[in-house]
Amino acid sequence: MRIIDKIYLEYPFKGSRRLRDDVRARHGIRVNRKRIIRLMRLSGITALRITTLKIYRN
């Protein structure tokens, strides 16, 4: 969980998939994405969106 917190502080816009990839690349730890999601929920981490979503209605 400390590794995820450290990466999140550097890059708060990364989601579970990109956090998983960073944990694998930086530390060589193979982690399932579901585990990353569970740890993110435990620590209250959510990915920040860079752009706003635009809703187009027909």
C-alpha atoms as a PDB file:
ATOM      1  CA  MET A   1       0.000   0.000   0.000  1.00  0.00           C
ATOM      2  CA  ARG A   2       2.928   2.350   0.638  1.00  0.00           C
ATOM      3  CA  ILE A   3       4.132   1.843  -2.917  1.00  0.00           C
ATOM      4  CA  ILE A   4       0.723   2.781  -4.315  1.00  0.00           C
ATOM      5  CA  ASP A   5       0.554   5.870  -2.081  1.00  0.00           C
ATOM      6  CA  LYS A   6       4.008   6.959  -3.199  1.00  0.00           C
ATOM      7  CA  ILE A   7       3.140   6.615  -6.887  1.00  0.00           C
ATOM      8  CA  TYR A   8      -0.233   8.336  -6.343  1.00  0.00           C
ATOM      9  CA  LEU A   9       1.421  11.364  -4.731  1.00  0.00           C
ATOM     10  CA  GLU A  10       3.607  11.786  -7.812  1.00  0.00           C
ATOM     11  CA  TYR A  11       0.842  11.102 -10.351  1.00  0.00           C
ATOM     12  CA  PRO A  12      -2.656  11.619  -8.874  1.00  0.00           C
ATOM     13  CA  PHE A  13      -4.331  11.240 -12.283  1.00  0.00           C
ATOM     14  CA  LYS A  14      -3.368   7.589 -12.735  1.00  0.00           C
ATOM     15  CA  GLY A  15      -6.053   4.962 -12.350  1.00  0.00           C
ATOM     16  CA  SER A  16      -5.843   1.354 -11.256  1.00  0.00           C
ATOM     17  CA  ARG A  17      -4.479   0.039 -14.549  1.00  0.00           C
ATOM     18  CA  ARG A  18      -1.659   2.553 -14.792  1.00  0.00           C
ATOM     19  CA  LEU A  19      -0.833   2.156 -11.088  1.00  0.00           C
ATOM     20  CA  ARG A  20      -0.602  -1.592 -11.611  1.00  0.00           C
ATOM     21  CA  ASP A  21       1.749  -1.089 -14.545  1.00  0.00           C
ATOM     22  CA  ASP A  22       3.939   1.281 -12.525  1.00  0.00           C
ATOM     23  CA  VAL A  23       4.170  -1.142  -9.598  1.00  0.00           C
ATOM     24  CA  ARG A  24       5.275  -3.853 -12.023  1.00  0.00           C
ATOM     25  CA  ALA A  25       7.775  -1.632 -13.846  1.00  0.00           C
ATOM     26  CA  ARG A  26       9.333   0.160 -10.870  1.00  0.00           C
ATOM     27  CA  HIS A  27       9.357  -2.534  -8.205  1.00  0.00           C
ATOM     28  CA  GLY A  28       8.987  -5.768 -10.151  1.00  0.00           C
ATOM     29  CA  ILE A  29       5.965  -6.840  -8.126  1.00  0.00           C
ATOM     30  CA  ARG A  30       3.224  -8.613 -10.057  1.00  0.00           C
ATOM     31  CA  VAL A  31      -0.060  -7.361  -8.678  1.00  0.00           C
ATOM     32  CA  ASN A  32      -3.582  -8.025  -9.877  1.00  0.00           C
ATOM     33  CA  ARG A  33      -5.670  -4.993 -10.851  1.00  0.00           C
ATOM     34  CA  LYS A  34      -8.463  -6.046  -8.478  1.00  0.00           C
ATOM     35  CA  ARG A  35      -6.022  -5.898  -5.589  1.00  0.00           C
ATOM     36  CA  ILE A  36      -4.940  -2.392  -6.633  1.00  0.00           C
ATOM     37  CA  ILE A  37      -8.607  -1.332  -6.705  1.00  0.00           C
ATOM     38  CA  ARG A  38      -9.198  -2.800  -3.235  1.00  0.00           C
ATOM     39  CA  LEU A  39      -6.160  -1.027  -1.789  1.00  0.00           C
ATOM     40  CA  MET A  40      -7.190   2.240  -3.450  1.00  0.00           C
ATOM     41  CA  ARG A  41     -10.626   1.982  -1.806  1.00  0.00           C
ATOM     42  CA  LEU A  42      -9.064   1.222   1.576  1.00  0.00           C
ATOM     43  CA  SER A  43      -6.833   4.278   1.463  1.00  0.00           C
ATOM     44  CA  GLY A  44      -9.472   6.538  -0.120  1.00  0.00           C
ATOM     45  CA  ILE A  45      -7.557   7.124  -3.355  1.00  0.00           C
ATOM     46  CA  THR A  46      -9.412   8.028  -6.533  1.00  0.00           C
ATOM     47  CA  ALA A  47      -7.927   9.042  -9.861  1.00  0.00           C
ATOM     48  CA  LEU A  48      -8.306  12.682 -10.819  1.00  0.00           C
ATOM     49  CA  ARG A  49      -9.660  13.479 -14.248  1.00  0.00           C
ATOM     50  CA  ILE A  50      -7.620  15.893 -16.285  1.00  0.00           C
ATOM     51  CA  THR A  51     -10.425  16.999 -18.574  1.00  0.00           C
ATOM     52  CA  THR A  52     -14.119  17.353 -17.962  1.00  0.00           C
ATOM     53  CA  LEU A  53     -16.550  15.019 -19.614  1.00  0.00           C
ATOM     54  CA  LYS A  54     -18.770  16.630 -22.195  1.00  0.00           C
ATOM     55  CA  ILE A  55     -22.218  15.174 -22.568  1.00  0.00           C
ATOM     56  CA  TYR A  56     -23.826  15.535 -25.960  1.00  0.00           C
ATOM     57  CA  ARG A  57     -27.530  14.922 -26.223  1.00  0.00           C
ATOM     58  CA  ASN A  58     -29.285  13.997 -29.415  1.00  0.00           C
END
